């Protein structure tokens, strides 16, 4: 049954596909939402997507590709048709009927959450870098960290800003506190700098995009769960 694989609160992306009559060009539009409930083996309820605090009026009898992200990090894809729309418990609901089987998929990019999260950052010491290159985990404790602000995060990496420069291909120690399952957890991440740029509207502040390396599956799952819980909070507040 669908309830074996997905559950209420799972993130979902609803992708519409349209083709221009004259140019035959394909346009893809993606909407983000949450699973509300599983009704049967081929029907699910989904919250109507919201953008800029406005409901997106997706039409009944239209087909979409659905991408579903579970709290454990598993990802599923299927095609579905909107067969009804209504309100339930003061929520605007879309009823989807699956028109293809649910199957696992793996995107190169993890779902990315916009956020504001304080972290401490430093360059890895030479012996720490050597351990990373050997695919081992060795970190020197107690070294001073520089303050930075994470502006988005995923299970694969993050983007942060600060008033200093770390060059691409350098390795960083990143320490932060994540609230998961109602508890604060200290999280130590090793990351590789992919890109760096100075912000045009804030000279002297630099944006770094980094990829997590040597990340334990349990650590990745905690990050994904943190993202899942934060997005649910944002939706309740009407931010998403």
Protein backbone atom coordinates (compact mmCIF):
# COMPACT_ATOMS: atom_id res chain seq x y z
CA UNK A 1 0.00 0.00 0.00
CA UNK A 2 1.04 3.60 -0.52
CA UNK A 3 0.99 4.17 3.24
CA UNK A 4 3.88 1.70 3.51
CA UNK A 5 6.14 4.07 1.56
CA UNK A 6 4.80 7.58 2.11
CA UNK A 7 3.07 9.27 5.03
CA UNK A 8 1.36 12.56 5.91
CA UNK A 9 3.81 15.45 6.04
CA UNK A 10 6.17 14.09 3.37
CA UNK A 11 7.42 16.78 1.02
CA UNK A 12 6.18 16.59 -2.55
CA UNK A 13 7.04 18.40 -5.76
CA UNK A 14 4.28 18.66 -8.37
CA UNK A 15 5.64 19.12 -11.88
CA UNK A 16 3.41 20.21 -14.72
CA UNK A 17 4.47 19.72 -18.34
CA UNK A 18 3.08 21.82 -21.18
CA UNK A 19 4.06 22.14 -24.83
CA UNK A 20 3.78 25.35 -26.85
CA UNK A 21 1.61 24.93 -29.93
CA UNK A 22 3.77 26.86 -32.40
CA UNK A 23 7.31 26.19 -31.19
CA UNK A 24 6.69 22.72 -29.68
CA UNK A 25 8.90 23.83 -26.78
CA UNK A 26 8.35 22.03 -23.47
CA UNK A 27 7.76 24.10 -20.34
CA UNK A 28 8.07 22.54 -16.89
CA UNK A 29 6.65 24.21 -13.79
CA UNK A 30 7.39 22.86 -10.33
CA UNK A 31 5.22 23.44 -7.24
CA UNK A 32 6.20 22.44 -3.70
CA UNK A 33 3.74 21.08 -1.17
CA UNK A 34 3.12 18.35 1.45
CA UNK A 35 1.29 15.03 1.52
CA UNK A 36 -1.91 15.39 3.57
CA UNK A 37 -3.04 11.74 3.61
CA UNK A 38 -3.09 8.44 1.71
CA UNK A 39 -6.65 7.43 0.78
CA UNK A 40 -6.11 4.11 -1.00
CA UNK A 41 -3.49 2.23 -2.99
CA UNK A 42 -3.76 4.70 -5.85
CA UNK A 43 -5.10 7.93 -4.31
CA UNK A 44 -3.37 10.54 -2.15
CA UNK A 45 -4.39 13.91 -0.75
CA UNK A 46 -1.96 16.80 -1.21
CA UNK A 47 -2.14 20.32 0.18
CA UNK A 48 -2.76 22.91 -2.52
CA UNK A 49 0.64 24.57 -3.24
CA UNK A 50 1.20 28.06 -1.88
CA UNK A 51 3.49 30.71 -3.36
CA UNK A 52 3.88 34.14 -1.79
CA UNK A 53 0.99 33.32 0.57
CA UNK A 54 -1.35 32.63 -2.36
CA UNK A 55 -2.94 29.30 -3.32
CA UNK A 56 -1.91 27.96 -6.73
CA UNK A 57 -5.12 26.96 -8.61
CA UNK A 58 -4.11 23.66 -10.25
CA UNK A 59 -7.00 22.41 -12.42
CA UNK A 60 -8.91 19.15 -12.01
CA UNK A 61 -8.32 16.48 -14.70
CA UNK A 62 -4.76 17.67 -15.34
CA UNK A 63 -1.76 15.29 -15.26
CA UNK A 64 1.45 15.84 -13.29
CA UNK A 65 4.71 14.16 -12.38
CA UNK A 66 5.04 13.80 -8.60
CA UNK A 67 8.32 13.63 -6.67
CA UNK A 68 7.94 12.58 -3.03
CA UNK A 69 10.64 12.94 -0.35
CA UNK A 70 10.34 10.94 2.88
CA UNK A 71 11.75 11.93 6.25
CA UNK A 72 14.32 9.09 6.02
CA UNK A 73 15.69 10.51 2.75
CA UNK A 74 14.04 8.05 0.35
CA UNK A 75 12.69 9.54 -2.86
CA UNK A 76 9.78 8.30 -4.98
CA UNK A 77 8.35 9.35 -8.33
CA UNK A 78 5.08 8.68 -10.18
CA UNK A 79 2.60 10.28 -12.57
CA UNK A 80 -0.84 11.27 -11.32
CA UNK A 81 -4.03 13.10 -12.25
CA UNK A 82 -5.95 15.60 -10.11
CA UNK A 83 -9.44 14.09 -9.79
CA UNK A 84 -10.93 16.42 -7.18
CA UNK A 85 -10.27 19.43 -4.96
CA UNK A 86 -11.95 20.33 -1.66
CA UNK A 87 -11.44 21.58 1.90
CA UNK A 88 -10.76 19.32 4.87
CA UNK A 89 -10.06 20.56 8.39
CA UNK A 90 -9.82 24.05 6.95
CA UNK A 91 -7.11 22.92 4.52
CA UNK A 92 -7.30 23.19 0.73
CA UNK A 93 -6.76 19.68 -0.65
CA UNK A 94 -5.98 18.20 -4.07
CA UNK A 95 -6.96 14.56 -4.60
CA UNK A 96 -4.47 12.82 -6.91
CA UNK A 97 -5.04 9.47 -8.58
CA UNK A 98 -1.85 7.66 -9.59
CA UNK A 99 -1.66 6.77 -13.28
CA UNK A 100 1.75 5.06 -12.98
CA UNK A 101 3.35 2.90 -10.31
CA UNK A 102 5.37 4.46 -7.49
CA UNK A 103 9.09 3.94 -8.05
CA UNK A 104 12.29 4.93 -6.31
CA UNK A 105 14.50 7.58 -7.83
CA UNK A 106 17.63 9.46 -6.79
CA UNK A 107 18.34 13.02 -7.82
CA UNK A 108 21.87 14.34 -7.86
CA UNK A 109 20.68 17.31 -5.83
CA UNK A 110 18.93 16.96 -2.47
CA UNK A 111 15.93 19.09 -1.58
CA UNK A 112 17.24 22.50 -0.48
CA UNK A 113 15.68 24.56 2.32
CA UNK A 114 16.08 28.32 2.64
CA UNK A 115 16.93 29.17 6.23
CA UNK A 116 18.93 31.35 8.63
CA UNK A 117 21.24 29.21 10.71
CA UNK A 118 24.35 30.28 12.61
CA UNK A 119 27.44 28.09 12.22
CA UNK A 120 31.12 28.16 13.12
CA UNK A 121 33.64 27.57 10.33
CA UNK A 122 37.40 27.05 9.99
CA UNK A 123 39.83 25.58 7.48
CA UNK A 124 40.82 22.00 8.13
CA UNK A 125 44.36 21.43 9.36
CA UNK A 126 46.73 19.55 7.01
CA UNK A 127 46.42 16.28 8.94
CA UNK A 128 42.61 16.59 8.85
CA UNK A 129 42.67 17.08 5.07
CA UNK A 130 44.91 14.03 4.70
CA UNK A 131 42.37 12.00 6.67
CA UNK A 132 39.53 13.25 4.43
CA UNK A 133 41.46 12.24 1.30
CA UNK A 134 41.91 8.77 2.84
CA UNK A 135 38.13 8.77 3.40
CA UNK A 136 38.67 8.76 7.16
CA UNK A 137 37.21 10.98 9.87
CA UNK A 138 39.78 12.82 12.01
CA UNK A 139 39.07 16.29 13.45
CA UNK A 140 41.13 18.34 15.88
CA UNK A 141 38.87 19.60 18.71
CA UNK A 142 38.86 23.03 20.31
CA UNK A 143 40.25 25.17 17.46
CA UNK A 144 38.70 28.66 17.03
CA UNK A 145 35.81 29.03 14.61
CA UNK A 146 34.61 32.00 12.58
CA UNK A 147 30.93 32.92 12.59
CA UNK A 148 28.89 32.41 9.42
CA UNK A 149 25.22 32.28 8.48
CA UNK A 150 23.75 29.40 6.48
CA UNK A 151 21.16 30.66 3.98
CA UNK A 152 20.18 27.31 2.53
CA UNK A 153 20.92 23.68 3.32
CA UNK A 154 20.26 20.21 1.88
CA UNK A 155 21.32 16.67 2.61
CA UNK A 156 24.22 17.16 0.20
CA UNK A 157 25.58 20.59 1.10
CA UNK A 158 24.79 24.18 2.01
CA UNK A 159 25.35 27.82 1.16
CA UNK A 160 26.62 30.25 3.79
CA UNK A 161 27.79 33.86 3.97
CA UNK A 162 30.48 35.52 6.07
CA UNK A 163 33.09 38.27 6.01
CA UNK A 164 36.04 36.13 4.94
CA UNK A 165 37.17 34.05 1.95
CA UNK A 166 37.67 30.32 1.57
CA UNK A 167 38.96 29.30 -1.84
CA UNK A 168 37.28 26.63 -3.99
CA UNK A 169 38.52 23.07 -3.31
CA UNK A 170 39.48 23.92 0.27
CA UNK A 171 38.08 21.75 3.08
CA UNK A 172 36.17 23.23 6.02
CA UNK A 173 35.13 22.24 9.52
CA UNK A 174 31.54 23.41 10.10
CA UNK A 175 29.87 23.24 13.51
CA UNK A 176 26.21 24.01 14.15
CA UNK A 177 23.24 23.14 16.34
CA UNK A 178 20.21 21.50 14.71
CA UNK A 179 16.87 21.01 16.43
CA UNK A 180 15.59 17.54 15.51
CA UNK A 181 12.66 15.74 17.13
CA UNK A 182 12.39 18.56 19.66
CA UNK A 183 15.99 18.17 20.81
CA UNK A 184 19.05 20.30 20.04
CA UNK A 185 21.91 18.30 18.56
CA UNK A 186 25.48 19.46 18.04
CA UNK A 187 26.46 18.70 14.46
CA UNK A 188 30.02 18.70 13.08
CA UNK A 189 30.28 18.61 9.29
CA UNK A 190 33.21 18.45 6.89
CA UNK A 191 32.63 20.31 3.65
CA UNK A 192 34.44 21.09 0.41
CA UNK A 193 34.11 24.56 -1.11
CA UNK A 194 32.62 24.39 -4.61
CA UNK A 195 32.16 28.09 -5.35
CA UNK A 196 32.80 31.44 -3.72
CA UNK A 197 31.69 34.95 -4.67
CA UNK A 198 31.50 38.41 -3.16
CA UNK A 199 27.95 39.72 -2.77
CA UNK A 200 27.34 42.66 -5.10
CA UNK A 201 24.94 44.38 -2.71
CA UNK A 202 27.11 43.81 0.38
CA UNK A 203 30.80 44.29 -0.41
CA UNK A 204 33.13 42.51 1.98
CA UNK A 205 30.63 39.69 2.51
CA UNK A 206 31.28 36.42 0.69
CA UNK A 207 28.97 33.58 -0.25
CA UNK A 208 30.31 30.03 -0.23
CA UNK A 209 28.58 26.98 -1.68
CA UNK A 210 29.92 23.77 -0.17
CA UNK A 211 29.43 20.03 -0.50
CA UNK A 212 29.43 17.72 2.50
CA UNK A 213 32.16 15.04 2.50
CA UNK A 214 32.81 12.06 4.80
CA UNK A 215 29.21 12.38 5.97
CA UNK A 216 27.83 9.47 7.98
CA UNK A 217 24.39 8.25 6.76
CA UNK A 218 22.95 8.94 10.22
CA UNK A 219 24.24 12.54 10.07
CA UNK A 220 22.70 13.00 6.63
CA UNK A 221 19.40 11.60 7.86
CA UNK A 222 19.42 14.06 10.79
CA UNK A 223 19.99 16.97 8.38
CA UNK A 224 17.14 15.77 6.15
CA UNK A 225 14.87 15.39 9.17
CA UNK A 226 15.81 18.91 10.33
CA UNK A 227 14.88 20.25 6.87
CA UNK A 228 11.62 18.28 6.93
CA UNK A 229 10.63 19.66 10.34
CA UNK A 230 11.62 23.25 9.52
CA UNK A 231 9.63 23.23 6.28
CA UNK A 232 6.59 21.94 8.14
CA UNK A 233 6.94 24.82 10.66
CA UNK A 234 7.24 27.34 7.83
CA UNK A 235 4.13 26.00 6.13
CA UNK A 236 2.13 26.24 9.33
CA UNK A 237 3.21 29.88 9.61
CA UNK A 238 2.28 30.52 5.98
CA UNK A 239 5.87 31.22 4.94
CA UNK A 240 5.93 28.60 2.16
